[in-house]
Amino acid sequence: MFPELFSIGSFSLRTLTIILLVAFFLSAFVLWRKAREEHYAEDQVFDMFLTSSLLGAVGARIGFIVFHFDQFGFSPLKWIDMISNAGFNGLIGLIVAGYYIYTYSKKYKWDGFEVLDFWTISVSLGLSLVYLGQFFDGSGVGYPTSLPVGIQFAGLFEPVHPVQLYQALFFLVLYVYLSRVEFQYRNFQWYRSGKKSAQTGFLVSMTLILGGIFSFFLTFFKPPMIELFDTNIDQLFSLGVFMIGALVLYHRSGRPLPLTREKKKRKKLTDRVHASK
């Protein structure tokens, strides 16, 4: 739609590049502001965000190469060629970045789920801009459609679903929701499970749940990033993300997961109480 801001000779400045930079700094600012409000070490939080972003980008690239190995083979030049062989697996990148943030938080004895909550707020805003950038770039388009929402991008012969706009709108709405519910979820009786205070982790849980549902339905409007033996692996990943989010939400609400030691300990305690009566 609008892939280049301007070009001078052989040099061109792509719209996506500028939007990616804005998304990175805006996400960093949101996380820094949240960390400052909760009195975390601001320099350490920024270092954590920077490192997690780099590791996430590397993980996303490696994930894309692994699932498209027939395209890359054992050619390191193709692995690092981001012009002729561009591609990232965003889900894997987010998993790598999130895992690093959680382990980094534990290293400094921070509340890992609270930091992840802050991170999901910042990332949701950043992703809304990233997908908007993809829309202007004309990349990541959906299936052809005859519906009024269809848009014809440069180089295509028929209108397609503007799934980039669907994703940008979803993550913008998610950002607004997370920002508002951050100050309310501690009062949810069902989440507190009868306790005086609620545990952190609600925001990251809801992000996984809502993101998994949205991603699953989105697979019907865009080509799969990963497909093995005619199976849309994107759908399996989406369902997996949803299930993980549901389990985290259930556990962080104060309820023990089935088949865990905590569940067995609670059962033994309950049995003893009943036996003493």
Foldseek 3Di string as FASTA:
>chain_A
DAQFPDADVVRTHGLLVVLLVVLLVQLLVQLLVVCVVVPHDSVLSSVLSVVLQVQLQVQFLVVLCVLVVVVVPPPVVLSPPCPPNNGGRNVRSVVSSLVSQLVSCVVVPHDSLQSVLSSLLSVLLSLLSNLVSCLNNVPQWWAFDPDPQFDDDPPDDGTAHSVSNVSSVVSVVLNVVSVVCVVPPQVPCQLLVPDPTAFGNLRVLVCLQVVLVVQLVCCVTHPASHADPNRRVSNVVSVVSNVVSVVSSCVRSPHDDPPDPVVVVVVVVVVVVVVVD
